[in-house]
Full PDB file with SEQRES, HELIX, SHEET, SSBOND, CRYST1, ORIGX, SCALE, CONECT and MASTER records, all heavy atoms in Angstrom:
SEQRES   1 A   36  ASN GLU TYR PRO GLU LYS MET GLN GLU TRP TYR HIS SER          
SEQRES   2 A   36  ALA LEU ARG GLU LEU GLU ASN LYS VAL LYS HIS TYR THR          
SEQRES   3 A   36  PRO LEU ILE CYS GLU LYS LYS LYS PRO VAL                      
HELIX    1 AA1 GLU A    5  ASN A   20  1                                  16    
CRYST1    1.000    1.000    1.000  90.00  90.00  90.00 P 1           1          
ORIGX1      1.000000  0.000000  0.000000        0.00000                         
ORIGX2      0.000000  1.000000  0.000000        0.00000                         
ORIGX3      0.000000  0.000000  1.000000        0.00000                         
SCALE1      1.000000  0.000000  0.000000        0.00000                         
SCALE2      0.000000  1.000000  0.000000        0.00000                         
SCALE3      0.000000  0.000000  1.000000        0.00000                         
ATOM      1  N   ASN A   1      29.352  -9.796   7.037  1.00  0.00           N  
ATOM      2  CA  ASN A   1      30.782  -9.823   7.499  1.00  0.00           C  
ATOM      3  C   ASN A   1      31.734  -9.943   6.281  1.00  0.00           C  
ATOM      4  O   ASN A   1      32.874  -9.513   6.397  1.00  0.00           O  
ATOM      5  CB  ASN A   1      30.996 -10.975   8.481  1.00  0.00           C  
ATOM      6  CG  ASN A   1      30.161 -10.859   9.713  1.00  0.00           C  
ATOM      7  OD1 ASN A   1      29.803  -9.699  10.074  1.00  0.00           O  
ATOM      8  ND2 ASN A   1      29.792 -11.921  10.324  1.00  0.00           N  
ATOM      9  N   GLU A   2      31.280 -10.495   5.165  1.00  0.00           N  
ATOM     10  CA  GLU A   2      32.152 -10.617   3.993  1.00  0.00           C  
ATOM     11  C   GLU A   2      32.231  -9.372   3.173  1.00  0.00           C  
ATOM     12  O   GLU A   2      33.097  -9.269   2.266  1.00  0.00           O  
ATOM     13  CB  GLU A   2      31.608 -11.789   3.153  1.00  0.00           C  
ATOM     14  CG  GLU A   2      31.558 -13.135   3.854  1.00  0.00           C  
ATOM     15  CD  GLU A   2      30.850 -14.160   3.071  1.00  0.00           C  
ATOM     16  OE1 GLU A   2      30.464 -13.892   1.913  1.00  0.00           O  
ATOM     17  OE2 GLU A   2      30.666 -15.268   3.600  1.00  0.00           O  
ATOM     18  N   TYR A   3      31.435  -8.380   3.432  1.00  0.00           N  
ATOM     19  CA  TYR A   3      31.429  -7.120   2.637  1.00  0.00           C  
ATOM     20  C   TYR A   3      32.481  -6.144   3.084  1.00  0.00           C  
ATOM     21  O   TYR A   3      32.956  -6.223   4.222  1.00  0.00           O  
ATOM     22  CB  TYR A   3      30.053  -6.478   2.737  1.00  0.00           C  
ATOM     23  CG  TYR A   3      28.880  -7.260   2.138  1.00  0.00           C  
ATOM     24  CD1 TYR A   3      27.569  -6.966   2.532  1.00  0.00           C  
ATOM     25  CD2 TYR A   3      29.109  -8.217   1.202  1.00  0.00           C  
ATOM     26  CE1 TYR A   3      26.519  -7.678   1.981  1.00  0.00           C  
ATOM     27  CE2 TYR A   3      28.045  -8.898   0.636  1.00  0.00           C  
ATOM     28  CZ  TYR A   3      26.769  -8.672   1.053  1.00  0.00           C  
ATOM     29  OH  TYR A   3      25.750  -9.350   0.503  1.00  0.00           O  
ATOM     30  N   PRO A   4      32.888  -5.235   2.213  1.00  0.00           N  
ATOM     31  CA  PRO A   4      33.838  -4.183   2.633  1.00  0.00           C  
ATOM     32  C   PRO A   4      33.233  -3.279   3.712  1.00  0.00           C  
ATOM     33  O   PRO A   4      32.026  -3.275   3.928  1.00  0.00           O  
ATOM     34  CB  PRO A   4      34.065  -3.412   1.342  1.00  0.00           C  
ATOM     35  CG  PRO A   4      33.493  -4.211   0.220  1.00  0.00           C  
ATOM     36  CD  PRO A   4      32.523  -5.138   0.824  1.00  0.00           C  
ATOM     37  N   GLU A   5      34.099  -2.483   4.346  1.00  0.00           N  
ATOM     38  CA  GLU A   5      33.640  -1.618   5.455  1.00  0.00           C  
ATOM     39  C   GLU A   5      32.599  -0.629   5.056  1.00  0.00           C  
ATOM     40  O   GLU A   5      31.576  -0.456   5.767  1.00  0.00           O  
ATOM     41  CB  GLU A   5      34.831  -0.853   6.045  1.00  0.00           C  
ATOM     42  CG  GLU A   5      35.730  -1.689   6.918  1.00  0.00           C  
ATOM     43  CD  GLU A   5      36.813  -0.854   7.557  1.00  0.00           C  
ATOM     44  OE1 GLU A   5      36.554   0.352   7.839  1.00  0.00           O  
ATOM     45  OE2 GLU A   5      37.914  -1.369   7.732  1.00  0.00           O  
ATOM     46  N   LYS A   6      32.763  -0.049   3.895  1.00  0.00           N  
ATOM     47  CA  LYS A   6      31.780   0.969   3.431  1.00  0.00           C  
ATOM     48  C   LYS A   6      30.407   0.308   3.275  1.00  0.00           C  
ATOM     49  O   LYS A   6      29.366   0.932   3.662  1.00  0.00           O  
ATOM     50  CB  LYS A   6      32.300   1.564   2.088  1.00  0.00           C  
ATOM     51  CG  LYS A   6      31.513   2.810   1.658  1.00  0.00           C  
ATOM     52  CD  LYS A   6      31.826   3.969   2.577  1.00  0.00           C  
ATOM     53  CE  LYS A   6      31.163   5.203   2.029  1.00  0.00           C  
ATOM     54  NZ  LYS A   6      31.253   6.323   2.937  1.00  0.00           N  
ATOM     55  N   MET A   7      30.362  -0.870   2.692  1.00  0.00           N  
ATOM     56  CA  MET A   7      29.068  -1.576   2.472  1.00  0.00           C  
ATOM     57  C   MET A   7      28.459  -1.940   3.829  1.00  0.00           C  
ATOM     58  O   MET A   7      27.250  -1.871   4.020  1.00  0.00           O  
ATOM     59  CB  MET A   7      29.333  -2.847   1.669  1.00  0.00           C  
ATOM     60  CG  MET A   7      29.584  -2.647   0.211  1.00  0.00           C  
ATOM     61  SD  MET A   7      28.110  -2.339  -0.743  1.00  0.00           S  
ATOM     62  CE  MET A   7      27.398  -3.896  -0.807  1.00  0.00           C  
ATOM     63  N   GLN A   8      29.348  -2.301   4.778  1.00  0.00           N  
ATOM     64  CA  GLN A   8      28.800  -2.673   6.137  1.00  0.00           C  
ATOM     65  C   GLN A   8      28.215  -1.424   6.805  1.00  0.00           C  
ATOM     66  O   GLN A   8      27.120  -1.528   7.438  1.00  0.00           O  
ATOM     67  CB  GLN A   8      29.901  -3.257   6.998  1.00  0.00           C  
ATOM     68  CG  GLN A   8      30.316  -4.656   6.606  1.00  0.00           C  
ATOM     69  CD  GLN A   8      31.420  -5.198   7.463  1.00  0.00           C  
ATOM     70  OE1 GLN A   8      31.785  -4.627   8.523  1.00  0.00           O  
ATOM     71  NE2 GLN A   8      31.913  -6.366   7.101  1.00  0.00           N  
ATOM     72  N   GLU A   9      28.859  -0.263   6.638  1.00  0.00           N  
ATOM     73  CA  GLU A   9      28.273   0.976   7.213  1.00  0.00           C  
ATOM     74  C   GLU A   9      26.913   1.267   6.575  1.00  0.00           C  
ATOM     75  O   GLU A   9      25.937   1.606   7.276  1.00  0.00           O  
ATOM     76  CB  GLU A   9      29.225   2.176   6.890  1.00  0.00           C  
ATOM     77  CG  GLU A   9      30.503   2.152   7.730  1.00  0.00           C  
ATOM     78  CD  GLU A   9      31.437   3.293   7.373  1.00  0.00           C  
ATOM     79  OE1 GLU A   9      30.915   4.308   6.829  1.00  0.00           O  
ATOM     80  OE2 GLU A   9      32.632   3.130   7.574  1.00  0.00           O  
ATOM     81  N   TRP A  10      26.788   1.110   5.253  1.00  0.00           N  
ATOM     82  CA  TRP A  10      25.475   1.367   4.563  1.00  0.00           C  
ATOM     83  C   TRP A  10      24.448   0.398   5.050  1.00  0.00           C  
ATOM     84  O   TRP A  10      23.276   0.754   5.266  1.00  0.00           O  
ATOM     85  CB  TRP A  10      25.650   1.271   3.063  1.00  0.00           C  
ATOM     86  CG  TRP A  10      26.472   2.322   2.402  1.00  0.00           C  
ATOM     87  CD1 TRP A  10      26.704   3.553   2.895  1.00  0.00           C  
ATOM     88  CD2 TRP A  10      27.130   2.251   1.127  1.00  0.00           C  
ATOM     89  NE1 TRP A  10      27.484   4.270   2.018  1.00  0.00           N  
ATOM     90  CE2 TRP A  10      27.735   3.510   0.920  1.00  0.00           C  
ATOM     91  CE3 TRP A  10      27.265   1.286   0.162  1.00  0.00           C  
ATOM     92  CZ2 TRP A  10      28.445   3.792  -0.237  1.00  0.00           C  
ATOM     93  CZ3 TRP A  10      27.955   1.558  -0.982  1.00  0.00           C  
ATOM     94  CH2 TRP A  10      28.609   2.789  -1.162  1.00  0.00           C  
ATOM     95  N   TYR A  11      24.874  -0.847   5.260  1.00  0.00           N  
ATOM     96  CA  TYR A  11      23.973  -1.884   5.737  1.00  0.00           C  
ATOM     97  C   TYR A  11      23.415  -1.513   7.142  1.00  0.00           C  
ATOM     98  O   TYR A  11      22.172  -1.562   7.340  1.00  0.00           O  
ATOM     99  CB  TYR A  11      24.703  -3.222   5.752  1.00  0.00           C  
ATOM    100  CG  TYR A  11      23.985  -4.335   6.484  1.00  0.00           C  
ATOM    101  CD1 TYR A  11      22.967  -5.048   5.839  1.00  0.00           C  
ATOM    102  CD2 TYR A  11      24.319  -4.659   7.802  1.00  0.00           C  
ATOM    103  CE1 TYR A  11      22.305  -6.067   6.507  1.00  0.00           C  
ATOM    104  CE2 TYR A  11      23.611  -5.687   8.481  1.00  0.00           C  
ATOM    105  CZ  TYR A  11      22.664  -6.385   7.802  1.00  0.00           C  
ATOM    106  OH  TYR A  11      21.988  -7.386   8.444  1.00  0.00           O  
ATOM    107  N   HIS A  12      24.310  -1.137   8.059  1.00  0.00           N  
ATOM    108  CA  HIS A  12      23.890  -0.794   9.396  1.00  0.00           C  
ATOM    109  C   HIS A  12      23.043   0.439   9.390  1.00  0.00           C  
ATOM    110  O   HIS A  12      22.038   0.528  10.165  1.00  0.00           O  
ATOM    111  CB  HIS A  12      25.079  -0.656  10.327  1.00  0.00           C  
ATOM    112  CG  HIS A  12      25.810  -1.945  10.600  1.00  0.00           C  
ATOM    113  ND1 HIS A  12      25.193  -3.012  11.247  1.00  0.00           N  
ATOM    114  CD2 HIS A  12      27.029  -2.380  10.251  1.00  0.00           C  
ATOM    115  CE1 HIS A  12      26.026  -4.039  11.327  1.00  0.00           C  
ATOM    116  NE2 HIS A  12      27.189  -3.671  10.709  1.00  0.00           N  
ATOM    117  N   SER A  13      23.353   1.437   8.564  1.00  0.00           N  
ATOM    118  CA  SER A  13      22.555   2.641   8.505  1.00  0.00           C  
ATOM    119  C   SER A  13      21.137   2.337   7.951  1.00  0.00           C  
ATOM    120  O   SER A  13      20.129   2.885   8.442  1.00  0.00           O  
ATOM    121  CB  SER A  13      23.218   3.727   7.695  1.00  0.00           C  
ATOM    122  OG  SER A  13      23.315   3.349   6.363  1.00  0.00           O  
ATOM    123  N   ALA A  14      21.077   1.426   6.963  1.00  0.00           N  
ATOM    124  CA  ALA A  14      19.790   1.045   6.436  1.00  0.00           C  
ATOM    125  C   ALA A  14      18.943   0.347   7.469  1.00  0.00           C  
ATOM    126  O   ALA A  14      17.750   0.576   7.634  1.00  0.00           O  
ATOM    127  CB  ALA A  14      19.972   0.149   5.217  1.00  0.00           C  
ATOM    128  N   LEU A  15      19.573  -0.524   8.250  1.00  0.00           N  
ATOM    129  CA  LEU A  15      18.845  -1.237   9.333  1.00  0.00           C  
ATOM    130  C   LEU A  15      18.320  -0.238  10.366  1.00  0.00           C  
ATOM    131  O   LEU A  15      17.205  -0.324  10.854  1.00  0.00           O  
ATOM    132  CB  LEU A  15      19.756  -2.268   9.990  1.00  0.00           C  
ATOM    133  CG  LEU A  15      19.800  -3.637   9.316  1.00  0.00           C  
ATOM    134  CD1 LEU A  15      20.706  -4.584  10.119  1.00  0.00           C  
ATOM    135  CD2 LEU A  15      18.404  -4.239   9.293  1.00  0.00           C  
ATOM    136  N   ARG A  16      19.206   0.730  10.712  1.00  0.00           N  
ATOM    137  CA  ARG A  16      18.759   1.752  11.711  1.00  0.00           C  
ATOM    138  C   ARG A  16      17.553   2.516  11.214  1.00  0.00           C  
ATOM    139  O   ARG A  16      16.575   2.775  11.921  1.00  0.00           O  
ATOM    140  CB  ARG A  16      19.915   2.744  12.049  1.00  0.00           C  
ATOM    141  CG  ARG A  16      20.776   2.227  13.182  1.00  0.00           C  
ATOM    142  CD  ARG A  16      21.805   3.231  13.599  1.00  0.00           C  
ATOM    143  NE  ARG A  16      23.094   2.711  13.084  1.00  0.00           N  
ATOM    144  CZ  ARG A  16      23.903   3.328  12.258  1.00  0.00           C  
ATOM    145  NH1 ARG A  16      23.661   4.487  11.791  1.00  0.00           N  
ATOM    146  NH2 ARG A  16      25.049   2.744  11.847  1.00  0.00           N  
ATOM    147  N   GLU A  17      17.623   2.886   9.896  1.00  0.00           N  
ATOM    148  CA  GLU A  17      16.515   3.635   9.296  1.00  0.00           C  
ATOM    149  C   GLU A  17      15.227   2.827   9.336  1.00  0.00           C  
ATOM    150  O   GLU A  17      14.149   3.336   9.660  1.00  0.00           O  
ATOM    151  CB  GLU A  17      16.827   3.995   7.846  1.00  0.00           C  
ATOM    152  CG  GLU A  17      17.840   5.101   7.672  1.00  0.00           C  
ATOM    153  CD  GLU A  17      17.231   6.461   8.021  1.00  0.00           C  
ATOM    154  OE1 GLU A  17      16.019   6.678   7.817  1.00  0.00           O  
ATOM    155  OE2 GLU A  17      18.005   7.285   8.565  1.00  0.00           O  
ATOM    156  N   LEU A  18      15.331   1.529   9.035  1.00  0.00           N  
ATOM    157  CA  LEU A  18      14.140   0.650   9.077  1.00  0.00           C  
ATOM    158  C   LEU A  18      13.600   0.560  10.479  1.00  0.00           C  
ATOM    159  O   LEU A  18      12.393   0.485  10.672  1.00  0.00           O  
ATOM    160  CB  LEU A  18      14.515  -0.723   8.521  1.00  0.00           C  
ATOM    161  CG  LEU A  18      14.670  -0.864   7.016  1.00  0.00           C  
ATOM    162  CD1 LEU A  18      15.128  -2.243   6.638  1.00  0.00           C  
ATOM    163  CD2 LEU A  18      13.374  -0.522   6.324  1.00  0.00           C  
ATOM    164  N   GLU A  19      14.432   0.469  11.497  1.00  0.00           N  
ATOM    165  CA  GLU A  19      13.930   0.329  12.854  1.00  0.00           C  
ATOM    166  C   GLU A  19      13.420   1.646  13.413  1.00  0.00           C  
ATOM    167  O   GLU A  19      12.536   1.642  14.271  1.00  0.00           O  
ATOM    168  CB  GLU A  19      15.010  -0.271  13.696  1.00  0.00           C  
ATOM    169  CG  GLU A  19      15.345  -1.729  13.407  1.00  0.00           C  
ATOM    170  CD  GLU A  19      16.488  -2.286  14.188  1.00  0.00           C  
ATOM    171  OE1 GLU A  19      16.935  -1.627  15.124  1.00  0.00           O  
ATOM    172  OE2 GLU A  19      16.964  -3.377  13.789  1.00  0.00           O  
ATOM    173  N   ASN A  20      13.921   2.751  12.902  1.00  0.00           N  
ATOM    174  CA  ASN A  20      13.415   4.090  13.366  1.00  0.00           C  
ATOM    175  C   ASN A  20      12.017   4.346  12.839  1.00  0.00           C  
ATOM    176  O   ASN A  20      11.196   4.974  13.462  1.00  0.00           O  
ATOM    177  CB  ASN A  20      14.342   5.186  12.913  1.00  0.00           C  
ATOM    178  CG  ASN A  20      15.649   5.214  13.670  1.00  0.00           C  
ATOM    179  OD1 ASN A  20      15.716   4.584  14.723  1.00  0.00           O  
ATOM    180  ND2 ASN A  20      16.652   5.881  13.159  1.00  0.00           N  
ATOM    181  N   LYS A  21      11.742   3.778  11.682  1.00  0.00           N  
ATOM    182  CA  LYS A  21      10.386   3.996  11.045  1.00  0.00           C  
ATOM    183  C   LYS A  21       9.481   2.856  11.607  1.00  0.00           C  
ATOM    184  O   LYS A  21       9.549   1.746  11.163  1.00  0.00           O  
ATOM    185  CB  LYS A  21      10.435   3.893   9.543  1.00  0.00           C  
ATOM    186  CG  LYS A  21      11.452   4.769   8.905  1.00  0.00           C  
ATOM    187  CD  LYS A  21      10.911   6.214   8.825  1.00  0.00           C  
ATOM    188  CE  LYS A  21      11.899   7.051   8.076  1.00  0.00           C  
ATOM    189  NZ  LYS A  21      11.719   8.404   8.197  1.00  0.00           N  
ATOM    190  N   VAL A  22       8.654   3.187  12.615  1.00  0.00           N  
ATOM    191  CA  VAL A  22       7.854   2.157  13.259  1.00  0.00           C  
ATOM    192  C   VAL A  22       6.418   2.190  12.769  1.00  0.00           C  
ATOM    193  O   VAL A  22       5.573   1.441  13.170  1.00  0.00           O  
ATOM    194  CB  VAL A  22       7.854   2.381  14.777  1.00  0.00           C  
ATOM    195  CG1 VAL A  22       7.427   1.099  15.478  1.00  0.00           C  
ATOM    196  CG2 VAL A  22       9.219   2.811  15.281  1.00  0.00           C  
ATOM    197  N   LYS A  23       6.106   3.088  11.810  1.00  0.00           N  
ATOM    198  CA  LYS A  23       4.756   3.201  11.338  1.00  0.00           C  
ATOM    199  C   LYS A  23       4.323   1.945  10.610  1.00  0.00           C  
ATOM    200  O   LYS A  23       5.071   1.466   9.807  1.00  0.00           O  
ATOM    201  CB  LYS A  23       4.592   4.432  10.413  1.00  0.00           C  
ATOM    202  CG  LYS A  23       4.796   5.761  11.078  1.00  0.00           C  
ATOM    203  CD  LYS A  23       4.584   6.880  10.097  1.00  0.00           C  
ATOM    204  CE  LYS A  23       4.880   8.232  10.715  1.00  0.00           C  
ATOM    205  NZ  LYS A  23       4.823   9.312   9.785  1.00  0.00           N  
ATOM    206  N   HIS A  24       3.139   1.515  10.887  1.00  0.00           N  
ATOM    207  CA  HIS A  24       2.623   0.377  10.204  1.00  0.00           C  
ATOM    208  C   HIS A  24       1.458   0.814   9.313  1.00  0.00           C  
ATOM    209  O   HIS A  24       0.534   1.486   9.757  1.00  0.00           O  
ATOM    210  CB  HIS A  24       2.106  -0.677  11.191  1.00  0.00           C  
ATOM    211  CG  HIS A  24       3.198  -1.254  12.030  1.00  0.00           C  
ATOM    212  ND1 HIS A  24       4.150  -2.133  11.522  1.00  0.00           N  
ATOM    213  CD2 HIS A  24       3.531  -1.055  13.323  1.00  0.00           C  
ATOM    214  CE1 HIS A  24       5.013  -2.414  12.513  1.00  0.00           C  
ATOM    215  NE2 HIS A  24       4.661  -1.775  13.629  1.00  0.00           N  
ATOM    216  N   TYR A  25       1.526   0.451   8.073  1.00  0.00           N  
ATOM    217  CA  TYR A  25       0.499   0.829   7.098  1.00  0.00           C  
ATOM    218  C   TYR A  25      -0.322  -0.402   6.761  1.00  0.00           C  
ATOM    219  O   TYR A  25       0.251  -1.473   6.657  1.00  0.00           O  
ATOM    220  CB  TYR A  25       1.112   1.438   5.872  1.00  0.00           C  
ATOM    221  CG  TYR A  25       1.880   2.706   6.109  1.00  0.00           C  
ATOM    222  CD1 TYR A  25       3.272   2.760   6.177  1.00  0.00           C  
ATOM    223  CD2 TYR A  25       1.195   3.910   6.272  1.00  0.00           C  
ATOM    224  CE1 TYR A  25       3.936   3.926   6.414  1.00  0.00           C  
ATOM    225  CE2 TYR A  25       1.892   5.109   6.487  1.00  0.00           C  
ATOM    226  CZ  TYR A  25       3.259   5.097   6.583  1.00  0.00           C  
ATOM    227  OH  TYR A  25       3.905   6.258   6.826  1.00  0.00           O  
ATOM    228  N   THR A  26      -1.579  -0.196   6.481  1.00  0.00           N  
ATOM    229  CA  THR A  26      -2.366  -1.302   5.998  1.00  0.00           C  
ATOM    230  C   THR A  26      -2.099  -1.486   4.524  1.00  0.00           C  
ATOM    231  O   THR A  26      -1.888  -0.558   3.780  1.00  0.00           O  
ATOM    232  CB  THR A  26      -3.890  -0.980   6.181  1.00  0.00           C  
ATOM    233  OG1 THR A  26      -4.168   0.243   5.481  1.00  0.00           O  
ATOM    234  CG2 THR A  26      -4.212  -0.791   7.656  1.00  0.00           C  
ATOM    235  N   PRO A  27      -2.028  -2.748   4.116  1.00  0.00           N  
ATOM    236  CA  PRO A  27      -1.743  -3.015   2.700  1.00  0.00           C  
ATOM    237  C   PRO A  27      -2.882  -2.494   1.806  1.00  0.00           C  
ATOM    238  O   PRO A  27      -4.022  -2.441   2.232  1.00  0.00           O  
ATOM    239  CB  PRO A  27      -1.631  -4.510   2.619  1.00  0.00           C  
ATOM    240  CG  PRO A  27      -2.339  -5.021   3.844  1.00  0.00           C  
ATOM    241  CD  PRO A  27      -2.218  -3.965   4.872  1.00  0.00           C  
ATOM    242  N   LEU A  28      -2.504  -2.159   0.565  1.00  0.00           N  
ATOM    243  CA  LEU A  28      -3.494  -1.648  -0.386  1.00  0.00           C  
ATOM    244  C   LEU A  28      -4.383  -2.812  -0.885  1.00  0.00           C  
ATOM    245  O   LEU A  28      -3.872  -3.890  -1.144  1.00  0.00           O  
ATOM    246  CB  LEU A  28      -2.771  -1.002  -1.572  1.00  0.00           C  
ATOM    247  CG  LEU A  28      -1.951   0.202  -1.281  1.00  0.00           C  
ATOM    248  CD1 LEU A  28      -1.212   0.625  -2.540  1.00  0.00           C  
ATOM    249  CD2 LEU A  28      -2.862   1.346  -0.827  1.00  0.00           C  
ATOM    250  N   ILE A  29      -5.662  -2.526  -0.950  1.00  0.00           N  
ATOM    251  CA  ILE A  29      -6.621  -3.522  -1.405  1.00  0.00           C  
ATOM    252  C   ILE A  29      -7.386  -2.903  -2.591  1.00  0.00           C  
ATOM    253  O   ILE A  29      -7.818  -1.773  -2.521  1.00  0.00           O  
ATOM    254  CB  ILE A  29      -7.590  -3.930  -0.266  1.00  0.00           C  
ATOM    255  CG1 ILE A  29      -6.802  -4.492   0.909  1.00  0.00           C  
ATOM    256  CG2 ILE A  29      -8.603  -4.916  -0.789  1.00  0.00           C  
ATOM    257  CD1 ILE A  29      -7.658  -4.741   2.097  1.00  0.00           C  
ATOM    258  N   CYS A  30      -7.568  -3.713  -3.633  1.00  0.00           N  
ATOM    259  CA  CYS A  30      -8.324  -3.215  -4.784  1.00  0.00           C  
ATOM    260  C   CYS A  30      -9.814  -3.115  -4.412  1.00  0.00           C  
ATOM    261  O   CYS A  30     -10.315  -3.944  -3.614  1.00  0.00           O  
ATOM    262  CB  CYS A  30      -8.176  -4.201  -5.942  1.00  0.00           C  
ATOM    263  SG  CYS A  30      -6.516  -4.222  -6.638  1.00  0.00           S  
ATOM    264  N   GLU A  31     -10.437  -2.116  -4.982  1.00  0.00           N  
ATOM    265  CA  GLU A  31     -11.881  -1.970  -4.737  1.00  0.00           C  
ATOM    266  C   GLU A  31     -12.620  -3.082  -5.433  1.00  0.00           C  
ATOM    267  O   GLU A  31     -12.272  -3.520  -6.499  1.00  0.00           O  
ATOM    268  CB  GLU A  31     -12.381  -0.616  -5.281  1.00  0.00           C  
ATOM    269  CG  GLU A  31     -11.837   0.555  -4.546  1.00  0.00           C  
ATOM    270  CD  GLU A  31     -12.361   1.891  -5.113  1.00  0.00           C  
ATOM    271  OE1 GLU A  31     -13.265   1.825  -5.974  1.00  0.00           O  
ATOM    272  OE2 GLU A  31     -11.888   2.919  -4.692  1.00  0.00           O  
ATOM    273  N   LYS A  32     -13.705  -3.496  -4.778  1.00  0.00           N  
ATOM    274  CA  LYS A  32     -14.549  -4.548  -5.382  1.00  0.00           C  
ATOM    275  C   LYS A  32     -15.341  -3.971  -6.509  1.00  0.00           C  
ATOM    276  O   LYS A  32     -15.943  -2.915  -6.335  1.00  0.00           O  
ATOM    277  CB  LYS A  32     -15.455  -5.220  -4.359  1.00  0.00           C  
ATOM    278  CG  LYS A  32     -14.682  -6.012  -3.308  1.00  0.00           C  
ATOM    279  CD  LYS A  32     -15.645  -6.682  -2.366  1.00  0.00           C  
ATOM    280  CE  LYS A  32     -14.876  -7.497  -1.349  1.00  0.00           C  
ATOM    281  NZ  LYS A  32     -15.762  -8.103  -0.370  1.00  0.00           N  
ATOM    282  N   LYS A  33     -15.352  -4.629  -7.662  1.00  0.00           N  
ATOM    283  CA  LYS A  33     -16.131  -4.156  -8.774  1.00  0.00           C  
ATOM    284  C   LYS A  33     -17.500  -4.890  -8.853  1.00  0.00           C  
ATOM    285  O   LYS A  33     -17.490  -6.066  -8.534  1.00  0.00           O  
ATOM    286  CB  LYS A  33     -15.377  -4.404 -10.096  1.00  0.00           C  
ATOM    287  CG  LYS A  33     -14.085  -3.613 -10.213  1.00  0.00           C  
ATOM    288  CD  LYS A  33     -13.402  -3.916 -11.508  1.00  0.00           C  
ATOM    289  CE  LYS A  33     -12.107  -3.182 -11.595  1.00  0.00           C  
ATOM    290  NZ  LYS A  33     -11.361  -3.510 -12.820  1.00  0.00           N  
ATOM    291  N   LYS A  34     -18.467  -4.183  -9.283  1.00  0.00           N  
ATOM    292  CA  LYS A  34     -19.755  -4.809  -9.403  1.00  0.00           C  
ATOM    293  C   LYS A  34     -19.709  -5.672 -10.611  1.00  0.00           C  
ATOM    294  O   LYS A  34     -19.139  -5.258 -11.634  1.00  0.00           O  
ATOM    295  CB  LYS A  34     -20.844  -3.715  -9.558  1.00  0.00           C  
ATOM    296  CG  LYS A  34     -21.120  -2.930  -8.335  1.00  0.00           C  
ATOM    297  CD  LYS A  34     -22.241  -1.969  -8.528  1.00  0.00           C  
ATOM    298  CE  LYS A  34     -22.514  -1.150  -7.287  1.00  0.00           C  
ATOM    299  NZ  LYS A  34     -23.576  -0.182  -7.508  1.00  0.00           N  
ATOM    300  N   PRO A  35     -20.375  -6.829 -10.597  1.00  0.00           N  
ATOM    301  CA  PRO A  35     -20.359  -7.659 -11.806  1.00  0.00           C  
ATOM    302  C   PRO A  35     -21.154  -7.016 -12.929  1.00  0.00           C  
ATOM    303  O   PRO A  35     -22.127  -6.348 -12.693  1.00  0.00           O  
ATOM    304  CB  PRO A  35     -21.027  -8.964 -11.310  1.00  0.00           C  
ATOM    305  CG  PRO A  35     -21.828  -8.583 -10.145  1.00  0.00           C  
ATOM    306  CD  PRO A  35     -21.110  -7.369  -9.517  1.00  0.00           C  
ATOM    307  N   VAL A  36     -20.668  -7.261 -14.149  1.00  0.00           N  
ATOM    308  CA  VAL A  36     -21.356  -6.712 -15.336  1.00  0.00           C  
ATOM    309  C   VAL A  36     -22.652  -7.468 -15.549  1.00  0.00           C  
ATOM    310  O   VAL A  36     -22.621  -8.705 -15.632  1.00  0.00           O  
ATOM    311  CB  VAL A  36     -20.456  -6.788 -16.561  1.00  0.00           C  
ATOM    312  CG1 VAL A  36     -21.137  -6.269 -17.789  1.00  0.00           C  
ATOM    313  CG2 VAL A  36     -19.166  -6.060 -16.324  1.00  0.00           C  
TER     314      VAL A  36                                                      
MASTER        0    0    0    1    0    0    0    6  313    1    0    3          
END                                                                             
């Protein structure tokens, strides 16, 4: 609410973009290395 109008528009558009993208990805995990 304290931001200028243009910033508020960018904020709301970013939130809409985030909510439109509903895909869930599994986090990246490093491969297990064999002990030397």
